[in-house]
Amino acid sequence: MTTTLLAGATGLVGTAFSAGWVGPDELHLLVRRDIPSPGPLQRVHVVDFAAVPALPPAVEAYCCLGTTLKQAGSEAAFRAVDFDAVLAFATAASLAGVKRFAVVSALGANRRSANLYSRVKGEMEVALIGMGFDCLVVVRPSLLTGNRAALGQPTRHGEQWATAFSAPFAALIPRAYRPIAATVVARGMQRAMADQQPGLRIVESGELQKLGAT
């Protein structure tokens, strides 16, 4: 049986990803807190992303790690998750034999951005590109929607407001900028990886909406 790695399985996208997992690979979940009842073909590893241990051999990995400045509490703490932890996981995955890597970034990611969130996401993308994976899929979703309260996460009032405000005008908002469900992001990311296109593939939110549609 082959192995797939997933980091960040307790977040919105990671939870949706693991919930929809049907194999045939065994899915190894790297998390910061335990998941008491993983799904079929799933194994949980509670890890410190500041010192990721050796991982089981695998050829494919998905990274759904991420936070916000408000939730992290400081710029350094935010960067520790959205840059350092992502790169630590990618490095450990590469050492485990991973050739295909996918990561959740964000709409507007740009290492030259004046906005901290967009800049760190852009820096993370550049660093991953330099790691030389045979296939690197970067998905850039717009505003994520999903039930954070059910995951024990604090409610993001900006997300709630934007989702409620945009709902009546969804058909008028360009697909690239519409709020996007975490389940759609998870499916779209997996389908983009299934294509196994060599090199870098950046999937903007509009394309992600189409890829992740049921």
N, C-alpha and C. Protein backbone atom coordinates (compact mmCIF):
# COMPACT_ATOMS: atom_id res chain seq x y z
N MET A 1 0.84 -1.20 0.00
CA MET A 1 0.00 0.00 0.00
C MET A 1 0.88 1.25 0.00
N THR A 2 0.58 2.19 -0.89
CA THR A 2 1.33 3.43 -0.93
C THR A 2 0.78 4.42 0.09
N THR A 3 1.53 5.50 0.29
CA THR A 3 1.21 6.45 1.35
C THR A 3 1.10 7.87 0.81
N THR A 4 0.11 8.61 1.31
CA THR A 4 -0.03 10.04 1.04
C THR A 4 0.04 10.78 2.36
N LEU A 5 0.69 11.93 2.37
CA LEU A 5 0.85 12.73 3.58
C LEU A 5 -0.04 13.96 3.52
N LEU A 6 -0.62 14.32 4.68
CA LEU A 6 -1.44 15.53 4.77
C LEU A 6 -1.08 16.27 6.05
N ALA A 7 -0.66 17.52 5.93
CA ALA A 7 -0.37 18.37 7.09
C ALA A 7 -1.48 19.38 7.25
N GLY A 8 -1.94 19.57 8.49
CA GLY A 8 -2.99 20.54 8.76
C GLY A 8 -4.37 19.94 8.63
N ALA A 9 -4.55 18.72 9.12
CA ALA A 9 -5.81 18.01 8.92
C ALA A 9 -6.92 18.46 9.85
N THR A 10 -6.64 19.41 10.77
CA THR A 10 -7.69 19.87 11.69
C THR A 10 -8.27 21.22 11.27
N GLY A 11 -7.77 21.80 10.20
CA GLY A 11 -8.31 23.06 9.70
C GLY A 11 -9.47 22.83 8.75
N LEU A 12 -10.01 23.92 8.21
CA LEU A 12 -11.17 23.82 7.33
C LEU A 12 -10.89 22.95 6.11
N VAL A 13 -9.83 23.26 5.38
CA VAL A 13 -9.54 22.52 4.15
C VAL A 13 -9.03 21.12 4.48
N GLY A 14 -8.15 21.01 5.48
CA GLY A 14 -7.62 19.71 5.84
C GLY A 14 -8.69 18.75 6.32
N THR A 15 -9.64 19.25 7.10
CA THR A 15 -10.75 18.42 7.57
C THR A 15 -11.60 17.94 6.40
N ALA A 16 -11.88 18.86 5.47
CA ALA A 16 -12.66 18.48 4.29
C ALA A 16 -11.91 17.45 3.45
N PHE A 17 -10.61 17.63 3.36
CA PHE A 17 -9.78 16.70 2.57
C PHE A 17 -9.84 15.30 3.17
N SER A 18 -9.58 15.20 4.47
CA SER A 18 -9.56 13.87 5.10
C SER A 18 -10.95 13.25 5.13
N ALA A 19 -11.99 14.07 5.29
CA ALA A 19 -13.36 13.54 5.31
C ALA A 19 -13.75 12.92 3.97
N GLY A 20 -13.18 13.44 2.89
CA GLY A 20 -13.50 12.93 1.57
C GLY A 20 -12.55 11.87 1.06
N TRP A 21 -11.61 11.45 1.90
CA TRP A 21 -10.58 10.51 1.45
C TRP A 21 -11.17 9.12 1.24
N VAL A 22 -10.91 8.53 0.08
CA VAL A 22 -11.39 7.18 -0.22
C VAL A 22 -10.27 6.23 -0.61
N GLY A 23 -9.01 6.70 -0.51
CA GLY A 23 -7.90 5.82 -0.87
C GLY A 23 -7.64 5.85 -2.37
N PRO A 24 -6.93 4.84 -2.90
CA PRO A 24 -6.51 3.61 -2.23
C PRO A 24 -5.31 3.76 -1.32
N ASP A 25 -4.62 4.90 -1.38
CA ASP A 25 -3.45 5.10 -0.52
C ASP A 25 -3.87 5.21 0.94
N GLU A 26 -2.92 4.92 1.82
CA GLU A 26 -3.10 5.19 3.24
C GLU A 26 -2.76 6.66 3.46
N LEU A 27 -3.63 7.37 4.16
CA LEU A 27 -3.45 8.81 4.38
C LEU A 27 -2.89 9.03 5.78
N HIS A 28 -1.71 9.61 5.86
CA HIS A 28 -1.08 9.92 7.13
C HIS A 28 -1.31 11.39 7.47
N LEU A 29 -1.98 11.65 8.58
CA LEU A 29 -2.36 12.99 8.98
C LEU A 29 -1.36 13.54 9.99
N LEU A 30 -0.70 14.65 9.64
CA LEU A 30 0.21 15.32 10.55
C LEU A 30 -0.54 16.49 11.17
N VAL A 31 -0.69 16.46 12.49
CA VAL A 31 -1.51 17.46 13.18
C VAL A 31 -0.81 17.93 14.45
N ARG A 32 -1.27 19.08 14.95
CA ARG A 32 -0.72 19.62 16.20
C ARG A 32 -1.49 19.12 17.41
N ARG A 33 -2.70 18.60 17.19
CA ARG A 33 -3.47 18.00 18.28
C ARG A 33 -4.13 16.74 17.76
N ASP A 34 -4.39 15.80 18.66
CA ASP A 34 -4.85 14.47 18.27
C ASP A 34 -6.24 14.51 17.63
N ILE A 35 -6.47 13.58 16.72
CA ILE A 35 -7.78 13.33 16.14
C ILE A 35 -8.21 11.97 16.65
N PRO A 36 -9.18 11.91 17.53
CA PRO A 36 -9.51 10.64 18.19
C PRO A 36 -10.08 9.56 17.28
N SER A 37 -10.76 9.95 16.22
CA SER A 37 -11.42 8.95 15.37
C SER A 37 -11.13 9.22 13.90
N PRO A 38 -9.92 8.93 13.45
CA PRO A 38 -9.62 9.15 12.02
C PRO A 38 -10.44 8.21 11.15
N GLY A 39 -10.54 8.56 9.89
CA GLY A 39 -11.33 7.75 8.97
C GLY A 39 -10.60 6.49 8.53
N PRO A 40 -11.27 5.69 7.71
CA PRO A 40 -10.63 4.48 7.19
C PRO A 40 -9.36 4.82 6.41
N LEU A 41 -8.38 3.96 6.52
CA LEU A 41 -7.10 4.13 5.82
C LEU A 41 -6.35 5.39 6.26
N GLN A 42 -6.65 5.89 7.46
CA GLN A 42 -6.00 7.10 7.95
C GLN A 42 -5.25 6.84 9.25
N ARG A 43 -4.05 7.40 9.34
CA ARG A 43 -3.24 7.28 10.54
C ARG A 43 -2.84 8.68 11.00
N VAL A 44 -2.89 8.91 12.31
CA VAL A 44 -2.64 10.24 12.87
C VAL A 44 -1.25 10.30 13.49
N HIS A 45 -0.54 11.40 13.21
CA HIS A 45 0.76 11.67 13.83
C HIS A 45 0.72 13.06 14.44
N VAL A 46 0.78 13.15 15.75
CA VAL A 46 0.84 14.45 16.43
C VAL A 46 2.30 14.90 16.41
N VAL A 47 2.57 16.03 15.77
CA VAL A 47 3.95 16.47 15.59
C VAL A 47 4.12 17.93 15.99
N ASP A 48 5.34 18.28 16.24
CA ASP A 48 5.75 19.67 16.44
C ASP A 48 6.29 20.15 15.10
N PHE A 49 5.61 21.08 14.47
CA PHE A 49 6.03 21.51 13.14
C PHE A 49 7.30 22.36 13.17
N ALA A 50 7.77 22.67 14.36
CA ALA A 50 9.07 23.33 14.46
C ALA A 50 10.20 22.31 14.35
N ALA A 51 9.85 21.03 14.48
CA ALA A 51 10.84 19.96 14.38
C ALA A 51 10.14 18.71 13.86
N VAL A 52 9.79 18.73 12.58
CA VAL A 52 9.04 17.61 11.99
C VAL A 52 9.91 16.35 11.98
N PRO A 53 9.41 15.25 12.51
CA PRO A 53 10.20 14.01 12.54
C PRO A 53 10.27 13.37 11.16
N ALA A 54 11.03 12.29 11.06
CA ALA A 54 11.09 11.53 9.81
C ALA A 54 9.70 10.99 9.50
N LEU A 55 9.31 11.09 8.25
CA LEU A 55 7.98 10.67 7.83
C LEU A 55 8.04 9.35 7.07
N PRO A 56 6.92 8.63 7.04
CA PRO A 56 6.91 7.36 6.29
C PRO A 56 7.11 7.62 4.80
N PRO A 57 7.72 6.70 4.09
CA PRO A 57 7.93 6.89 2.65
C PRO A 57 6.63 7.19 1.93
N ALA A 58 6.68 8.16 1.04
CA ALA A 58 5.49 8.59 0.30
C ALA A 58 5.92 9.24 -1.00
N VAL A 59 4.99 9.34 -1.94
CA VAL A 59 5.29 10.00 -3.21
C VAL A 59 4.47 11.27 -3.39
N GLU A 60 3.45 11.47 -2.52
CA GLU A 60 2.55 12.60 -2.68
C GLU A 60 2.24 13.20 -1.32
N ALA A 61 2.16 14.55 -1.26
CA ALA A 61 1.87 15.22 0.01
C ALA A 61 1.03 16.46 -0.24
N TYR A 62 0.17 16.77 0.75
CA TYR A 62 -0.70 17.94 0.70
C TYR A 62 -0.49 18.76 1.96
N CYS A 63 -0.42 20.06 1.80
CA CYS A 63 -0.21 20.94 2.95
C CYS A 63 -1.36 21.93 3.06
N CYS A 64 -2.10 21.83 4.17
CA CYS A 64 -3.23 22.72 4.42
C CYS A 64 -3.00 23.56 5.67
N LEU A 65 -1.74 23.76 6.02
CA LEU A 65 -1.41 24.56 7.20
C LEU A 65 -1.69 26.03 6.94
N GLY A 66 -2.18 26.72 7.96
CA GLY A 66 -2.40 28.16 7.81
C GLY A 66 -3.12 28.73 9.00
N THR A 67 -2.91 30.02 9.22
CA THR A 67 -3.57 30.73 10.31
C THR A 67 -3.79 32.17 9.86
N THR A 68 -4.13 33.05 10.79
CA THR A 68 -4.25 34.47 10.51
C THR A 68 -3.42 35.23 11.53
N LEU A 69 -3.13 36.48 11.24
CA LEU A 69 -2.36 37.29 12.17
C LEU A 69 -3.09 37.43 13.49
N LYS A 70 -4.41 37.63 13.43
CA LYS A 70 -5.20 37.78 14.66
C LYS A 70 -5.17 36.52 15.49
N GLN A 71 -5.35 35.38 14.83
CA GLN A 71 -5.35 34.11 15.55
C GLN A 71 -3.97 33.77 16.09
N ALA A 72 -2.93 34.07 15.33
CA ALA A 72 -1.57 33.75 15.76
C ALA A 72 -1.12 34.65 16.90
N GLY A 73 -1.52 35.91 16.87
CA GLY A 73 -1.18 36.83 17.95
C GLY A 73 -0.02 37.76 17.68
N SER A 74 0.80 37.43 16.71
CA SER A 74 1.94 38.29 16.37
C SER A 74 2.42 37.94 14.97
N GLU A 75 3.19 38.84 14.37
CA GLU A 75 3.73 38.58 13.03
C GLU A 75 4.64 37.37 13.05
N ALA A 76 5.46 37.25 14.09
CA ALA A 76 6.39 36.12 14.17
C ALA A 76 5.65 34.80 14.29
N ALA A 77 4.58 34.79 15.10
CA ALA A 77 3.82 33.56 15.28
C ALA A 77 3.07 33.19 14.00
N PHE A 78 2.58 34.21 13.29
CA PHE A 78 1.91 33.96 12.01
C PHE A 78 2.89 33.35 11.02
N ARG A 79 4.06 33.94 10.91
CA ARG A 79 5.07 33.44 9.97
C ARG A 79 5.53 32.03 10.34
N ALA A 80 5.55 31.73 11.64
CA ALA A 80 5.98 30.41 12.08
C ALA A 80 5.08 29.31 11.53
N VAL A 81 3.80 29.64 11.33
CA VAL A 81 2.86 28.66 10.78
C VAL A 81 2.85 28.69 9.26
N ASP A 82 2.62 29.88 8.69
CA ASP A 82 2.36 29.99 7.25
C ASP A 82 3.62 29.93 6.39
N PHE A 83 4.77 30.04 7.00
CA PHE A 83 6.02 29.89 6.25
C PHE A 83 6.87 28.78 6.84
N ASP A 84 7.29 28.93 8.08
CA ASP A 84 8.23 27.97 8.67
C ASP A 84 7.68 26.56 8.72
N ALA A 85 6.45 26.41 9.22
CA ALA A 85 5.88 25.06 9.35
C ALA A 85 5.64 24.42 7.99
N VAL A 86 5.20 25.22 7.02
CA VAL A 86 4.98 24.70 5.66
C VAL A 86 6.29 24.19 5.08
N LEU A 87 7.34 24.97 5.22
CA LEU A 87 8.63 24.57 4.67
C LEU A 87 9.23 23.38 5.42
N ALA A 88 8.99 23.32 6.73
CA ALA A 88 9.48 22.18 7.50
C ALA A 88 8.79 20.90 7.05
N PHE A 89 7.49 20.96 6.83
CA PHE A 89 6.76 19.80 6.34
C PHE A 89 7.24 19.42 4.95
N ALA A 90 7.39 20.40 4.07
CA ALA A 90 7.83 20.12 2.70
C ALA A 90 9.21 19.47 2.69
N THR A 91 10.10 19.94 3.54
CA THR A 91 11.44 19.37 3.62
C THR A 91 11.38 17.93 4.09
N ALA A 92 10.60 17.67 5.14
CA ALA A 92 10.47 16.30 5.65
C ALA A 92 9.80 15.40 4.61
N ALA A 93 8.83 15.94 3.89
CA ALA A 93 8.16 15.16 2.85
C ALA A 93 9.14 14.80 1.73
N SER A 94 9.96 15.76 1.34
CA SER A 94 10.95 15.51 0.30
C SER A 94 11.92 14.41 0.72
N LEU A 95 12.35 14.47 1.96
CA LEU A 95 13.25 13.44 2.48
C LEU A 95 12.58 12.07 2.53
N ALA A 96 11.25 12.07 2.62
CA ALA A 96 10.50 10.80 2.65
C ALA A 96 10.23 10.26 1.25
N GLY A 97 10.70 11.00 0.23
CA GLY A 97 10.55 10.53 -1.14
C GLY A 97 9.44 11.17 -1.93
N VAL A 98 8.76 12.17 -1.36
CA VAL A 98 7.64 12.82 -2.05
C VAL A 98 8.12 13.54 -3.31
N LYS A 99 7.45 13.27 -4.41
CA LYS A 99 7.76 13.91 -5.69
C LYS A 99 6.68 14.90 -6.11
N ARG A 100 5.47 14.73 -5.57
CA ARG A 100 4.35 15.60 -5.92
C ARG A 100 3.84 16.25 -4.64
N PHE A 101 3.80 17.57 -4.65
CA PHE A 101 3.45 18.33 -3.45
C PHE A 101 2.41 19.37 -3.81
N ALA A 102 1.37 19.50 -2.95
CA ALA A 102 0.33 20.51 -3.16
C ALA A 102 0.18 21.33 -1.89
N VAL A 103 -0.09 22.62 -2.04
CA VAL A 103 -0.18 23.51 -0.88
C VAL A 103 -1.33 24.50 -1.07
N VAL A 104 -1.98 24.81 0.03
CA VAL A 104 -3.00 25.86 0.03
C VAL A 104 -2.33 27.19 0.30
N SER A 105 -2.38 28.10 -0.67
CA SER A 105 -1.85 29.44 -0.51
C SER A 105 -3.04 30.39 -0.37
N ALA A 106 -3.05 31.48 -1.09
CA ALA A 106 -4.16 32.42 -0.96
C ALA A 106 -4.23 33.32 -2.19
N LEU A 107 -5.44 33.76 -2.50
CA LEU A 107 -5.64 34.73 -3.57
C LEU A 107 -4.79 35.97 -3.29
N GLY A 108 -4.05 36.41 -4.29
CA GLY A 108 -3.23 37.61 -4.14
C GLY A 108 -1.87 37.38 -3.54
N ALA A 109 -1.47 36.13 -3.35
CA ALA A 109 -0.14 35.84 -2.80
C ALA A 109 0.94 36.48 -3.67
N ASN A 110 1.83 37.22 -3.03
CA ASN A 110 2.88 37.94 -3.76
C ASN A 110 3.97 38.32 -2.77
N ARG A 111 5.17 37.84 -2.99
CA ARG A 111 6.26 38.10 -2.04
C ARG A 111 6.64 39.58 -1.96
N ARG A 112 6.17 40.39 -2.89
CA ARG A 112 6.47 41.82 -2.86
C ARG A 112 5.28 42.65 -2.33
N SER A 113 4.26 41.98 -1.88
CA SER A 113 3.07 42.68 -1.40
C SER A 113 3.36 43.46 -0.12
N ALA A 114 2.68 44.60 0.03
CA ALA A 114 2.79 45.38 1.27
C ALA A 114 1.96 44.75 2.38
N ASN A 115 1.04 43.87 2.01
CA ASN A 115 0.20 43.19 2.98
C ASN A 115 0.93 41.97 3.54
N LEU A 116 1.04 41.88 4.86
CA LEU A 116 1.81 40.80 5.48
C LEU A 116 1.31 39.42 5.05
N TYR A 117 0.01 39.21 5.11
CA TYR A 117 -0.56 37.90 4.78
C TYR A 117 -0.19 37.49 3.35
N SER A 118 -0.44 38.37 2.41
CA SER A 118 -0.15 38.06 1.00
C SER A 118 1.36 37.89 0.77
N ARG A 119 2.15 38.71 1.47
CA ARG A 119 3.60 38.64 1.29
C ARG A 119 4.17 37.31 1.79
N VAL A 120 3.74 36.89 2.98
CA VAL A 120 4.26 35.63 3.53
C VAL A 120 3.82 34.44 2.66
N LYS A 121 2.58 34.48 2.19
CA LYS A 121 2.13 33.42 1.29
C LYS A 121 2.98 33.40 0.01
N GLY A 122 3.28 34.56 -0.52
CA GLY A 122 4.12 34.63 -1.71
C GLY A 122 5.52 34.13 -1.46
N GLU A 123 6.09 34.48 -0.32
CA GLU A 123 7.43 34.00 0.03
C GLU A 123 7.43 32.48 0.19
N MET A 124 6.37 31.96 0.77
CA MET A 124 6.25 30.51 0.93
C MET A 124 6.22 29.82 -0.43
N GLU A 125 5.46 30.37 -1.37
CA GLU A 125 5.39 29.78 -2.70
C GLU A 125 6.76 29.75 -3.37
N VAL A 126 7.47 30.85 -3.30
CA VAL A 126 8.80 30.93 -3.91
C VAL A 126 9.74 29.90 -3.30
N ALA A 127 9.70 29.76 -1.98
CA ALA A 127 10.57 28.80 -1.31
C ALA A 127 10.24 27.37 -1.74
N LEU A 128 8.96 27.05 -1.89
CA LEU A 128 8.59 25.70 -2.33
C LEU A 128 9.03 25.44 -3.77
N ILE A 129 8.90 26.44 -4.61
CA ILE A 129 9.34 26.29 -6.00
C ILE A 129 10.82 25.91 -6.04
N GLY A 130 11.60 26.49 -5.15
CA GLY A 130 13.03 26.23 -5.11
C GLY A 130 13.40 24.86 -4.59
N MET A 131 12.44 24.10 -4.07
CA MET A 131 12.74 22.79 -3.52
C MET A 131 12.81 21.70 -4.57
N GLY A 132 12.34 21.98 -5.77
CA GLY A 132 12.54 21.05 -6.88
C GLY A 132 11.64 19.83 -6.93
N PHE A 133 10.40 19.95 -6.43
CA PHE A 133 9.47 18.84 -6.58
C PHE A 133 9.18 18.60 -8.07
N ASP A 134 8.97 17.36 -8.45
CA ASP A 134 8.64 17.06 -9.84
C ASP A 134 7.33 17.74 -10.24
N CYS A 135 6.39 17.78 -9.30
CA CYS A 135 5.10 18.41 -9.53
C CYS A 135 4.75 19.23 -8.30
N LEU A 136 4.50 20.51 -8.48
CA LEU A 136 4.11 21.38 -7.38
C LEU A 136 2.80 22.08 -7.75
N VAL A 137 1.76 21.81 -6.97
CA VAL A 137 0.45 22.43 -7.18
C VAL A 137 0.23 23.46 -6.09
N VAL A 138 0.01 24.70 -6.49
CA VAL A 138 -0.28 25.78 -5.54
C VAL A 138 -1.70 26.26 -5.80
N VAL A 139 -2.57 26.09 -4.82
CA VAL A 139 -3.95 26.57 -4.98
C VAL A 139 -4.12 27.87 -4.22
N ARG A 140 -4.78 28.82 -4.85
CA ARG A 140 -4.95 30.16 -4.28
C ARG A 140 -6.44 30.49 -4.12
N PRO A 141 -7.06 29.95 -3.07
CA PRO A 141 -8.49 30.21 -2.89
C PRO A 141 -8.77 31.64 -2.47
N SER A 142 -9.96 32.09 -2.80
CA SER A 142 -10.47 33.35 -2.29
C SER A 142 -10.90 33.12 -0.84
N LEU A 143 -11.81 33.92 -0.34
CA LEU A 143 -12.28 33.81 1.03
C LEU A 143 -12.89 32.44 1.29
N LEU A 144 -12.37 31.73 2.29
CA LEU A 144 -12.85 30.39 2.59
C LEU A 144 -14.15 30.43 3.38
N THR A 145 -15.03 29.48 3.09
CA THR A 145 -16.25 29.33 3.88
C THR A 145 -16.32 27.92 4.43
N GLY A 146 -16.94 27.79 5.59
CA GLY A 146 -17.07 26.49 6.24
C GLY A 146 -17.41 26.70 7.70
N ASN A 147 -17.71 25.64 8.39
CA ASN A 147 -18.13 25.72 9.79
C ASN A 147 -16.93 25.62 10.72
N ARG A 148 -16.34 26.77 11.04
CA ARG A 148 -15.17 26.76 11.92
C ARG A 148 -15.55 26.38 13.36
N ALA A 149 -16.74 26.78 13.79
CA ALA A 149 -17.16 26.49 15.16
C ALA A 149 -17.18 24.99 15.41
N ALA A 150 -17.60 24.20 14.40
CA ALA A 150 -17.65 22.75 14.56
C ALA A 150 -16.27 22.14 14.74
N LEU A 151 -15.24 22.88 14.32
CA LEU A 151 -13.87 22.40 14.46
C LEU A 151 -13.20 22.95 15.71
N GLY A 152 -13.96 23.71 16.49
CA GLY A 152 -13.38 24.30 17.69
C GLY A 152 -12.50 25.49 17.41
N GLN A 153 -12.69 26.10 16.23
CA GLN A 153 -11.90 27.27 15.84
C GLN A 153 -12.69 28.54 16.09
N PRO A 154 -12.00 29.65 16.39
CA PRO A 154 -12.71 30.91 16.57
C PRO A 154 -13.37 31.36 15.27
N THR A 155 -14.54 31.94 15.41
CA THR A 155 -15.25 32.46 14.24
C THR A 155 -14.50 33.65 13.66
N ARG A 156 -14.38 33.68 12.35
CA ARG A 156 -13.76 34.81 11.67
C ARG A 156 -14.88 35.70 11.16
N HIS A 157 -15.12 36.80 11.88
CA HIS A 157 -16.26 37.65 11.58
C HIS A 157 -16.16 38.26 10.19
N GLY A 158 -14.94 38.52 9.73
CA GLY A 158 -14.78 39.06 8.38
C GLY A 158 -15.30 38.09 7.33
N GLU A 159 -15.04 36.79 7.54
CA GLU A 159 -15.53 35.77 6.61
C GLU A 159 -17.05 35.73 6.63
N GLN A 160 -17.62 35.76 7.84
CA GLN A 160 -19.08 35.71 7.96
C GLN A 160 -19.72 36.90 7.27
N TRP A 161 -19.16 38.08 7.51
CA TRP A 161 -19.74 39.29 6.92
C TRP A 161 -19.63 39.25 5.40
N ALA A 162 -18.47 38.90 4.89
CA ALA A 162 -18.26 38.90 3.45
C ALA A 162 -19.15 37.86 2.76
N THR A 163 -19.30 36.69 3.41
CA THR A 163 -20.13 35.64 2.83
C THR A 163 -21.59 36.08 2.79
N ALA A 164 -22.08 36.63 3.89
CA ALA A 164 -23.47 37.08 3.94
C ALA A 164 -23.72 38.22 2.96
N PHE A 165 -22.76 39.14 2.86
CA PHE A 165 -22.92 40.30 1.98
C PHE A 165 -22.91 39.89 0.51
N SER A 166 -22.04 38.92 0.18
CA SER A 166 -21.88 38.56 -1.23
C SER A 166 -22.94 37.59 -1.73
N ALA A 167 -23.61 36.87 -0.82
CA ALA A 167 -24.55 35.82 -1.23
C ALA A 167 -25.60 36.32 -2.22
N PRO A 168 -26.27 37.46 -1.98
CA PRO A 168 -27.31 37.90 -2.92
C PRO A 168 -26.76 38.30 -4.29
N PHE A 169 -25.45 38.57 -4.34
CA PHE A 169 -24.85 39.07 -5.58
C PHE A 169 -23.87 38.07 -6.19
N ALA A 170 -23.95 36.81 -5.75
CA ALA A 170 -22.95 35.82 -6.15
C ALA A 170 -22.82 35.72 -7.67
N ALA A 171 -23.94 35.76 -8.37
CA ALA A 171 -23.89 35.62 -9.82
C ALA A 171 -23.20 36.79 -10.49
N LEU A 172 -23.15 37.95 -9.81
CA LEU A 172 -22.53 39.14 -10.39
C LEU A 172 -21.05 39.25 -10.05
N ILE A 173 -20.60 38.48 -9.06
CA ILE A 173 -19.20 38.54 -8.64
C ILE A 173 -18.39 37.60 -9.53
N PRO A 174 -17.29 38.08 -10.12
CA PRO A 174 -16.46 37.18 -10.93
C PRO A 174 -16.08 35.93 -10.14
N ARG A 175 -16.07 34.79 -10.80
CA ARG A 175 -15.82 33.52 -10.14
C ARG A 175 -14.51 33.54 -9.33
N ALA A 176 -13.53 34.27 -9.83
CA ALA A 176 -12.23 34.30 -9.18
C ALA A 176 -12.26 34.94 -7.80
N TYR A 177 -13.29 35.75 -7.52
CA TYR A 177 -13.32 36.49 -6.26
C TYR A 177 -14.46 36.07 -5.33
N ARG A 178 -15.27 35.10 -5.77
CA ARG A 178 -16.36 34.64 -4.92
C ARG A 178 -15.80 33.86 -3.72
N PRO A 179 -16.47 33.92 -2.57
CA PRO A 179 -16.10 33.03 -1.46
C PRO A 179 -16.15 31.59 -1.95
N ILE A 180 -15.27 30.76 -1.40
CA ILE A 180 -15.17 29.38 -1.87
C ILE A 180 -15.20 28.42 -0.68
N ALA A 181 -16.00 27.38 -0.79
CA ALA A 181 -16.14 26.42 0.30
C ALA A 181 -14.87 25.59 0.46
N ALA A 182 -14.54 25.26 1.70
CA ALA A 182 -13.34 24.46 1.97
C ALA A 182 -13.42 23.11 1.27
N THR A 183 -14.62 22.54 1.17
CA THR A 183 -14.76 21.25 0.49
C THR A 183 -14.41 21.36 -0.99
N VAL A 184 -14.74 22.50 -1.59
CA VAL A 184 -14.40 22.72 -3.00
C VAL A 184 -12.89 22.85 -3.18
N VAL A 185 -12.25 23.55 -2.26
CA VAL A 185 -10.79 23.70 -2.31
C VAL A 185 -10.12 22.33 -2.19
N ALA A 186 -10.58 21.52 -1.25
CA ALA A 186 -9.97 20.20 -1.04
C ALA A 186 -10.11 19.32 -2.27
N ARG A 187 -11.31 19.29 -2.86
CA ARG A 187 -11.51 18.48 -4.06
C ARG A 187 -10.70 19.01 -5.23
N GLY A 188 -10.69 20.33 -5.39
CA GLY A 188 -9.95 20.92 -6.50
C GLY A 188 -8.47 20.66 -6.41
N MET A 189 -7.92 20.76 -5.21
CA MET A 189 -6.50 20.50 -5.02
C MET A 189 -6.16 19.06 -5.37
N GLN A 190 -7.00 18.13 -4.92
CA GLN A 190 -6.73 16.72 -5.19
C GLN A 190 -6.85 16.41 -6.68
N ARG A 191 -7.83 17.02 -7.34
CA ARG A 191 -8.00 16.77 -8.77
C ARG A 191 -6.86 17.38 -9.58
N ALA A 192 -6.36 18.54 -9.15
CA ALA A 192 -5.22 19.14 -9.84
C ALA A 192 -3.99 18.24 -9.72
N MET A 193 -3.81 17.65 -8.55
CA MET A 193 -2.67 16.73 -8.35
C MET A 193 -2.85 15.47 -9.17
N ALA A 194 -4.08 15.01 -9.33
CA ALA A 194 -4.33 13.77 -10.06
C ALA A 194 -3.91 13.89 -11.53
N ASP A 195 -3.89 15.12 -12.05
CA ASP A 195 -3.45 15.33 -13.44
C ASP A 195 -1.96 15.04 -13.61
N GLN A 196 -1.21 15.16 -12.51
CA GLN A 196 0.23 14.87 -12.49
C GLN A 196 0.99 15.63 -13.58
N GLN A 197 0.62 16.89 -13.77
CA GLN A 197 1.37 17.71 -14.71
C GLN A 197 2.74 18.02 -14.12
N PRO A 198 3.81 17.83 -14.87
CA PRO A 198 5.14 18.13 -14.33
C PRO A 198 5.35 19.63 -14.15
N GLY A 199 6.19 19.98 -13.20
CA GLY A 199 6.50 21.38 -12.97
C GLY A 199 5.49 22.06 -12.06
N LEU A 200 5.45 23.40 -12.14
CA LEU A 200 4.59 24.21 -11.29
C LEU A 200 3.23 24.42 -11.92
N ARG A 201 2.19 24.24 -11.11
CA ARG A 201 0.83 24.56 -11.54
C ARG A 201 0.18 25.43 -10.48
N ILE A 202 -0.14 26.67 -10.83
CA ILE A 202 -0.83 27.58 -9.92
C ILE A 202 -2.31 27.59 -10.29
N VAL A 203 -3.15 27.25 -9.33
CA VAL A 203 -4.59 27.17 -9.56
C VAL A 203 -5.26 28.34 -8.83
N GLU A 204 -5.67 29.34 -9.60
CA GLU A 204 -6.34 30.48 -9.00
C GLU A 204 -7.77 30.10 -8.59
N SER A 205 -8.39 30.94 -7.79
CA SER A 205 -9.66 30.59 -7.17
C SER A 205 -10.77 30.30 -8.18
N GLY A 206 -10.79 31.03 -9.29
CA GLY A 206 -11.82 30.77 -10.30
C GLY A 206 -11.71 29.38 -10.88
N GLU A 207 -10.49 28.96 -11.23
CA GLU A 207 -10.29 27.61 -11.75
C GLU A 207 -10.57 26.58 -10.66
N LEU A 208 -10.21 26.93 -9.43
CA LEU A 208 -10.43 26.01 -8.31
C LEU A 208 -11.92 25.76 -8.10
N GLN A 209 -12.75 26.78 -8.30
CA GLN A 209 -14.20 26.61 -8.20
C GLN A 209 -14.68 25.54 -9.19
N LYS A 210 -14.12 25.56 -10.38
CA LYS A 210 -14.53 24.60 -11.40
C LYS A 210 -13.99 23.20 -11.10
N LEU A 211 -12.71 23.12 -10.75
CA LEU A 211 -12.10 21.84 -10.46
C LEU A 211 -12.76 21.12 -9.29
N GLY A 212 -13.15 21.90 -8.28
CA GLY A 212 -13.69 21.29 -7.09
C GLY A 212 -15.18 21.12 -7.08
N ALA A 213 -15.84 21.45 -8.18
CA ALA A 213 -17.30 21.29 -8.24
C ALA A 213 -17.65 19.81 -8.17
N THR A 214 -18.80 19.50 -7.60
CA THR A 214 -19.20 18.10 -7.47
C THR A 214 -19.59 17.54 -8.82
